[in-house]
Amino acid sequence: MSRLARFATSAGILAVLTACASAGGPATDIDPGGQASVPPTEWPIRTQHHVDLWLHGFAMISDDTTLVPYFRRGYKAEMNDLRRRANVSSQLDANITRLRERFAVRSDLVNAQFVAQYFNNLDEMSRALDIFQRADGNPRAAGDRETSELIALLAGYFPLPADRDWAQLYLQSIRDENTRFYRSYWDQQQRERAPVVTEVTSQWQSTWKPRFQLFLNNTQQSGGEILLSLPLNGEGRTLTSGRTQNSVAVGFPARSADAREAIYVVVHEIVGQITATAVRDNVTPNDARLGLADRYIAVGAVRAGAMLIQKVAPELLDGYARYYLAAANRPAGTNPVTSMTQVYSLPVGLRDAISRQIEVVLGGI
């Protein structure tokens, strides 16, 4: 089933993309990882090439200055070094100035990083964006309800004509980047990191998911999928639509010994909803206008993850603190947990509000 059909609106959207596939030939970009049918409540660990490719492009065109970077530290330099050694140049290089210019003007385009998670593969995503482009982003131009819903979803990310042009140029650029460099790089990484997927799956399914299942159930997140993504850092990407329709993309640890890093980011992501609720309920309108609410949500998610871990899996706390300090490029010091609370500082009232939310979800334990 198309992720768009699961996450966005109705399963009828799948028929739209399938019909386009019939007209244009079968999809050819089916990834080797994560295609087996798994009950959604199992929260399987998967990898998806097109998600990584989409995020790779964003990493290459943007300057990541957040406290916890969206993308792995040094990722852009590492990729450019690999590309230079392979003597690779693609349309991503040729168009990078235009892509960056629009990105600088329209900061909301950062939200388009989520788009790939609605789809199963690159061909499916490309067909959807082609439908969107040919309709000029207008849902009323569609001939049926499902196509209208597809266009409306993408219009939420690319509402302006210049945004649509940017999306078309971006897709064209990353497809060429994929052909010339990224697909071979991604395939090699999947082979080398296959033991990591096995280790993360083993730890998550046998040890950690049972610990967090009550929290997941009580926050309407009883099932979904976890995507290990090569470009990502401590800020994951989460789509939520119903109890069993969740997609959480997290960083892909480089070694089996680092498998817990993926678990840390999963925890950070699953507390996102209650963190946002606590912040919205405890900031003033003026704070929101000044952008403090967004900052508090970002910082609060790190602290909320630590609070939840302390409740249900305290043996993860030291490693979690060290991971998020390293993500912020801060020293762990003699007490990593204390250092984390200092780096990710929150007003006392907001900290207590998040703590109360977690206690309520866990039933007071």
Protein backbone atom coordinates (compact mmCIF):
# COMPACT_ATOMS: atom_id res chain seq x y z
CA MET A 1 0.00 0.00 0.00
CA SER A 2 1.20 3.50 -0.79
CA ARG A 3 2.32 5.44 2.26
CA LEU A 4 0.28 8.31 0.85
CA ALA A 5 -2.81 6.12 0.99
CA ARG A 6 -2.02 5.18 4.59
CA PHE A 7 -0.92 8.54 5.97
CA ALA A 8 -2.55 11.23 3.90
CA THR A 9 -6.20 10.78 3.10
CA SER A 10 -7.84 7.75 1.53
CA ALA A 11 -6.74 4.46 0.08
CA GLY A 12 -8.24 5.58 -3.21
CA ILE A 13 -5.13 7.68 -3.82
CA LEU A 14 -3.28 4.43 -4.39
CA ALA A 15 -5.48 3.81 -7.42
CA VAL A 16 -4.42 7.17 -8.86
CA LEU A 17 -0.73 6.30 -8.60
CA THR A 18 -1.33 2.75 -9.83
CA ALA A 19 -3.17 4.04 -12.88
CA CYS A 20 -0.27 6.35 -13.64
CA ALA A 21 2.11 3.43 -13.28
CA SER A 22 0.07 1.44 -15.78
CA ALA A 23 0.26 4.27 -18.26
CA GLY A 24 3.96 4.88 -17.77
CA GLY A 25 5.24 1.37 -17.12
CA PRO A 26 5.82 -0.47 -13.85
CA ALA A 27 7.70 1.09 -10.98
CA THR A 28 11.34 0.11 -11.15
CA ASP A 29 12.75 1.68 -8.00
CA ILE A 30 11.67 -0.94 -5.48
CA ASP A 31 14.09 -0.97 -2.59
CA PRO A 32 15.48 -4.22 -1.19
CA GLY A 33 14.82 -3.23 2.40
CA GLY A 34 11.50 -3.14 4.19
CA GLN A 35 9.16 -4.55 1.57
CA ALA A 36 7.88 -7.58 3.44
CA SER A 37 4.33 -7.47 4.75
CA VAL A 38 4.60 -6.93 8.50
CA PRO A 39 1.69 -6.24 10.87
CA PRO A 40 1.81 -2.49 11.63
CA THR A 41 1.77 -3.07 15.40
CA GLU A 42 5.18 -4.71 15.11
CA TRP A 43 6.95 -1.41 14.41
CA PRO A 44 9.38 -3.07 11.94
CA ILE A 45 12.80 -1.60 11.22
CA ARG A 46 13.16 -0.71 7.53
CA THR A 47 15.37 1.23 5.11
CA GLN A 48 14.06 3.19 2.13
CA HIS A 49 16.30 4.46 -0.63
CA HIS A 50 14.00 7.24 -1.88
CA VAL A 51 13.60 8.68 1.64
CA ASP A 52 17.38 8.86 2.01
CA LEU A 53 17.80 10.34 -1.47
CA TRP A 54 15.20 13.04 -0.79
CA LEU A 55 16.85 13.94 2.52
CA HIS A 56 20.33 13.76 0.96
CA GLY A 57 19.35 16.54 -1.41
CA PHE A 58 18.15 18.73 1.44
CA ALA A 59 21.37 18.10 3.33
CA MET A 60 23.42 19.18 0.32
CA ILE A 61 21.54 22.44 -0.37
CA SER A 62 20.91 23.70 3.17
CA ASP A 63 22.95 25.13 6.02
CA ASP A 64 22.06 23.22 9.18
CA THR A 65 22.46 25.51 12.19
CA THR A 66 19.97 24.07 14.69
CA LEU A 67 21.09 22.97 18.16
CA VAL A 68 20.47 19.38 17.11
CA PRO A 69 21.21 19.33 13.38
CA TYR A 70 18.69 17.73 11.07
CA PHE A 71 21.55 15.94 9.33
CA ARG A 72 24.56 14.02 10.56
CA ARG A 73 27.45 16.34 11.41
CA GLY A 74 29.94 16.43 8.56
CA TYR A 75 27.51 14.73 6.17
CA LYS A 76 27.74 17.34 3.41
CA ALA A 77 31.56 17.45 3.54
CA GLU A 78 31.74 13.66 3.51
CA MET A 79 29.42 13.38 0.51
CA ASN A 80 31.26 16.08 -1.41
CA ASP A 81 34.56 14.33 -0.73
CA LEU A 82 33.19 11.01 -2.01
CA ARG A 83 31.73 12.69 -5.07
CA ARG A 84 35.01 14.48 -5.85
CA ARG A 85 37.00 11.26 -5.55
CA ALA A 86 34.52 9.56 -7.88
CA ASN A 87 34.69 12.56 -10.25
CA VAL A 88 30.92 12.94 -10.01
CA SER A 89 28.96 16.02 -10.98
CA SER A 90 25.18 16.07 -11.33
CA GLN A 91 22.28 18.43 -11.89
CA LEU A 92 22.20 18.89 -8.13
CA ASP A 93 25.51 20.74 -8.48
CA ALA A 94 24.35 22.67 -11.54
CA ASN A 95 21.11 23.80 -9.88
CA ILE A 96 22.31 24.24 -6.31
CA THR A 97 22.39 28.05 -6.44
CA ARG A 98 18.79 28.29 -7.64
CA LEU A 99 17.66 25.70 -5.12
CA ARG A 100 19.42 27.44 -2.25
CA GLU A 101 18.09 30.86 -3.23
CA ARG A 102 14.48 29.75 -3.04
CA PHE A 103 15.16 27.79 0.11
CA ALA A 104 16.54 30.94 1.75
CA VAL A 105 13.50 32.99 0.75
CA ARG A 106 10.95 30.32 1.72
CA SER A 107 12.11 28.80 4.99
CA ASP A 108 8.88 26.77 5.17
CA LEU A 109 10.27 24.54 2.43
CA VAL A 110 12.18 22.78 5.18
CA ASN A 111 8.89 21.02 5.99
CA ALA A 112 8.99 19.36 2.57
CA GLN A 113 11.62 17.03 4.01
CA PHE A 114 8.65 14.87 5.06
CA VAL A 115 7.29 14.38 1.53
CA ALA A 116 9.19 11.20 0.67
CA GLN A 117 7.72 9.33 3.63
CA TYR A 118 4.30 9.37 2.00
CA PHE A 119 5.48 7.08 -0.80
CA ASN A 120 6.96 3.64 -1.30
CA ASN A 121 9.64 4.45 -3.85
CA LEU A 122 11.09 7.13 -6.10
CA ASP A 123 8.95 6.33 -9.12
CA GLU A 124 5.74 6.55 -7.11
CA MET A 125 6.80 9.87 -5.62
CA SER A 126 7.79 11.21 -9.04
CA ARG A 127 4.41 10.30 -10.51
CA ALA A 128 2.63 12.09 -7.67
CA LEU A 129 4.70 15.24 -8.14
CA ASP A 130 4.07 15.11 -11.88
CA ILE A 131 0.30 14.97 -11.28
CA PHE A 132 0.67 17.90 -8.89
CA GLN A 133 2.70 19.93 -11.37
CA ARG A 134 0.37 19.31 -14.31
CA ALA A 135 -2.57 20.48 -12.19
CA ASP A 136 -0.70 23.69 -11.29
CA GLY A 137 -1.16 22.70 -7.65
CA ASN A 138 -4.93 23.17 -7.91
CA PRO A 139 -7.01 20.35 -6.36
CA ARG A 140 -10.04 21.54 -8.33
CA ALA A 141 -8.25 20.66 -11.56
CA ALA A 142 -8.43 16.99 -10.65
CA GLY A 143 -10.92 14.69 -12.27
CA ASP A 144 -11.72 12.71 -9.14
CA ARG A 145 -11.65 13.00 -5.36
CA GLU A 146 -8.54 10.88 -4.82
CA THR A 147 -6.43 12.91 -7.24
CA SER A 148 -7.75 16.10 -5.65
CA GLU A 149 -6.63 14.86 -2.23
CA LEU A 150 -3.19 13.99 -3.61
CA ILE A 151 -2.79 17.47 -5.08
CA ALA A 152 -4.06 19.13 -1.90
CA LEU A 153 -1.55 17.22 0.20
CA LEU A 154 1.40 18.33 -1.91
CA ALA A 155 0.02 21.88 -2.14
CA GLY A 156 0.38 22.05 1.62
CA TYR A 157 4.15 21.73 1.16
CA PHE A 158 4.45 23.69 -2.11
CA PRO A 159 1.63 26.28 -2.06
CA LEU A 160 3.06 28.93 -4.40
CA PRO A 161 3.86 28.73 -8.12
CA ALA A 162 7.54 29.37 -7.35
CA ASP A 163 7.42 26.55 -4.79
CA ARG A 164 6.05 24.17 -7.41
CA ASP A 165 8.82 25.18 -9.79
CA TRP A 166 11.32 24.57 -6.99
CA ALA A 167 9.88 21.11 -6.33
CA GLN A 168 10.13 20.20 -10.01
CA LEU A 169 13.72 21.41 -10.21
CA TYR A 170 14.61 19.66 -6.95
CA LEU A 171 13.17 16.34 -8.11
CA GLN A 172 14.96 16.62 -11.45
CA SER A 173 18.21 17.38 -9.64
CA ILE A 174 18.09 14.53 -7.15
CA ARG A 175 17.07 12.00 -9.80
CA ASP A 176 20.21 12.86 -11.75
CA GLU A 177 22.23 12.79 -8.52
CA ASN A 178 20.79 9.36 -7.87
CA THR A 179 21.81 8.03 -11.28
CA ARG A 180 25.33 9.41 -11.14
CA PHE A 181 26.19 8.83 -7.49
CA TYR A 182 23.65 8.22 -4.78
CA ARG A 183 22.15 4.88 -5.77
CA SER A 184 25.50 3.14 -5.84
CA TYR A 185 26.53 4.81 -2.57
CA TRP A 186 23.25 3.83 -0.90
CA ASP A 187 23.46 0.21 -2.09
CA GLN A 188 27.00 -0.08 -0.76
CA GLN A 189 25.95 1.31 2.61
CA GLN A 190 23.07 -1.16 2.84
CA ARG A 191 25.45 -4.05 2.30
CA GLU A 192 27.95 -2.77 4.85
CA ARG A 193 25.34 -1.88 7.46
CA ALA A 194 23.13 -4.96 7.13
CA PRO A 195 24.38 -6.24 10.52
CA VAL A 196 23.33 -2.91 12.05
CA VAL A 197 19.75 -3.37 10.83
CA THR A 198 19.73 -6.83 12.36
CA GLU A 199 21.06 -5.55 15.69
CA VAL A 200 18.67 -2.58 15.88
CA THR A 201 15.75 -4.88 15.04
CA SER A 202 16.78 -7.39 17.70
CA GLN A 203 17.20 -4.78 20.42
CA TRP A 204 14.04 -2.87 19.55
CA GLN A 205 11.71 -5.84 19.22
CA SER A 206 12.98 -7.95 22.11
CA THR A 207 14.04 -5.37 24.68
CA TRP A 208 13.03 -1.77 24.12
CA LYS A 209 9.67 -1.78 22.34
CA PRO A 210 8.04 -3.76 25.18
CA ARG A 211 9.30 -1.13 27.62
CA PHE A 212 7.77 1.72 25.62
CA GLN A 213 4.61 -0.07 24.45
CA LEU A 214 2.37 1.38 27.17
CA PHE A 215 3.47 4.89 26.24
CA LEU A 216 2.98 4.13 22.55
CA ASN A 217 -0.48 2.70 23.12
CA ASN A 218 -1.61 5.59 25.32
CA THR A 219 -0.41 8.22 22.85
CA GLN A 220 -2.17 6.65 19.84
CA GLN A 221 1.11 5.30 18.46
CA SER A 222 0.62 1.58 18.93
CA GLY A 223 2.01 0.68 15.51
CA GLY A 224 3.94 1.93 12.52
CA GLU A 225 7.42 1.63 11.04
CA ILE A 226 10.92 2.85 11.86
CA LEU A 227 13.15 3.91 8.97
CA LEU A 228 16.92 3.95 9.42
CA SER A 229 18.09 6.89 7.31
CA LEU A 230 21.70 7.60 6.34
CA PRO A 231 21.60 11.43 6.34
CA LEU A 232 19.72 12.00 9.61
CA ASN A 233 20.96 13.07 13.02
CA GLY A 234 19.14 13.41 16.35
CA GLU A 235 16.16 15.19 14.81
CA GLY A 236 14.10 12.45 13.24
CA ARG A 237 11.16 12.79 10.86
CA THR A 238 7.76 11.54 12.01
CA LEU A 239 4.46 11.21 10.18
CA THR A 240 1.47 10.28 12.33
CA SER A 241 -2.02 9.36 11.16
CA GLY A 242 -3.89 7.07 13.51
CA ARG A 243 -2.87 4.44 16.03
CA THR A 244 -1.10 2.10 13.60
CA GLN A 245 -0.18 4.50 10.80
CA ASN A 246 3.07 6.08 11.90
CA SER A 247 6.40 6.48 10.15
CA VAL A 248 9.46 7.46 12.16
CA ALA A 249 12.74 8.10 10.32
CA VAL A 250 15.87 8.15 12.50
CA GLY A 251 19.62 8.16 11.98
CA PHE A 252 21.28 4.97 10.73
CA PRO A 253 24.05 3.94 13.15
CA ALA A 254 27.38 3.22 11.47
CA ARG A 255 28.17 0.14 13.60
CA SER A 256 26.26 -2.60 15.36
CA ALA A 257 27.87 -1.43 18.61
CA ASP A 258 26.05 1.89 18.14
CA ALA A 259 22.61 0.34 17.60
CA ARG A 260 21.20 2.12 20.65
CA GLU A 261 21.62 5.45 18.85
CA ALA A 262 18.60 4.58 16.72
CA ILE A 263 16.60 3.76 19.86
CA TYR A 264 17.48 7.13 21.40
CA VAL A 265 16.07 8.99 18.41
CA VAL A 266 12.94 6.82 18.31
CA VAL A 267 12.27 7.82 21.92
CA HIS A 268 12.91 11.47 21.06
CA GLU A 269 10.37 11.21 18.25
CA ILE A 270 7.58 9.41 20.08
CA VAL A 271 7.44 12.13 22.75
CA GLY A 272 7.05 14.85 20.13
CA GLN A 273 3.27 15.12 20.34
CA ILE A 274 3.01 15.51 24.10
CA THR A 275 5.93 17.95 24.08
CA ALA A 276 4.19 20.15 21.53
CA THR A 277 0.97 20.01 23.54
CA ALA A 278 2.73 21.00 26.76
CA VAL A 279 4.50 23.89 25.03
CA ARG A 280 1.35 25.20 23.34
CA ASP A 281 -0.49 25.12 26.67
CA ASN A 282 2.28 26.92 28.57
CA VAL A 283 3.63 29.72 26.37
CA THR A 284 2.21 33.17 25.90
CA PRO A 285 1.08 34.53 22.53
CA ASN A 286 4.07 36.86 22.66
CA ASP A 287 6.43 33.93 23.19
CA ALA A 288 4.90 32.26 20.13
CA ARG A 289 5.34 35.41 18.03
CA LEU A 290 9.00 35.60 19.06
CA GLY A 291 9.59 32.01 17.94
CA LEU A 292 10.18 30.75 21.47
CA ALA A 293 7.50 28.07 21.13
CA ASP A 294 9.37 26.37 18.30
CA ARG A 295 12.61 26.50 20.26
CA TYR A 296 10.94 25.08 23.36
CA ILE A 297 9.44 22.23 21.34
CA ALA A 298 12.85 21.30 19.91
CA VAL A 299 14.58 21.47 23.29
CA GLY A 300 11.61 20.01 25.12
CA ALA A 301 11.55 16.88 22.95
CA VAL A 302 15.10 16.05 24.04
CA ARG A 303 14.21 16.58 27.70
CA ALA A 304 10.92 14.68 27.35
CA GLY A 305 12.77 11.72 25.85
CA ALA A 306 15.08 11.68 28.87
CA MET A 307 12.11 11.88 31.25
CA LEU A 308 10.39 8.95 29.56
CA ILE A 309 13.59 6.89 29.55
CA GLN A 310 14.10 7.58 33.24
CA LYS A 311 10.61 6.17 33.89
CA VAL A 312 10.68 3.00 31.79
CA ALA A 313 14.27 2.25 30.67
CA PRO A 314 16.72 4.07 32.98
CA GLU A 315 19.70 2.07 31.73
CA LEU A 316 19.42 4.07 28.49
CA LEU A 317 19.62 7.46 30.16
CA ASP A 318 23.40 7.97 30.26
CA GLY A 319 23.81 6.95 26.62
CA TYR A 320 20.84 9.09 25.57
CA ALA A 321 22.37 12.14 27.28
CA ARG A 322 25.74 11.51 25.68
CA TYR A 323 24.16 11.06 22.25
CA TYR A 324 22.23 14.35 22.35
CA LEU A 325 25.21 16.24 23.75
CA ALA A 326 27.34 14.92 20.88
CA ALA A 327 24.58 15.84 18.41
CA ALA A 328 24.73 19.41 19.75
CA ASN A 329 28.55 19.29 19.66
CA ARG A 330 28.76 19.80 23.43
CA PRO A 331 31.02 17.95 25.90
CA ALA A 332 29.49 15.31 28.16
CA GLY A 333 31.48 16.40 31.21
CA THR A 334 31.65 14.31 34.34
CA ASN A 335 27.85 13.95 34.54
CA PRO A 336 26.26 13.65 31.08
CA VAL A 337 22.69 13.89 32.38
CA THR A 338 23.41 17.13 34.22
CA SER A 339 25.23 18.50 31.18
CA MET A 340 22.25 17.63 28.98
CA THR A 341 19.81 19.49 31.24
CA GLN A 342 22.07 22.55 31.07
CA VAL A 343 22.51 22.48 27.30
CA TYR A 344 18.81 21.76 26.72
CA SER A 345 17.51 24.15 29.35
CA LEU A 346 13.79 24.82 29.80
CA PRO A 347 11.77 27.14 32.02
CA VAL A 348 10.87 25.26 35.19
CA GLY A 349 7.14 25.53 34.56
CA LEU A 350 7.44 24.09 31.08
CA ARG A 351 9.71 21.29 32.27
CA ASP A 352 7.17 20.38 34.94
CA ALA A 353 4.30 20.49 32.43
CA ILE A 354 6.10 18.00 30.18
CA SER A 355 6.84 15.77 33.15
CA ARG A 356 3.16 15.79 34.17
CA GLN A 357 2.13 14.86 30.61
CA ILE A 358 4.41 11.84 30.70
CA GLU A 359 3.11 10.78 34.11
CA VAL A 360 -0.48 11.03 32.90
CA VAL A 361 0.28 8.95 29.80
CA LEU A 362 1.98 6.27 31.86
CA GLY A 363 -0.86 6.18 34.36
CA GLY A 364 1.09 7.76 37.17
CA ILE A 365 3.93 5.22 37.34
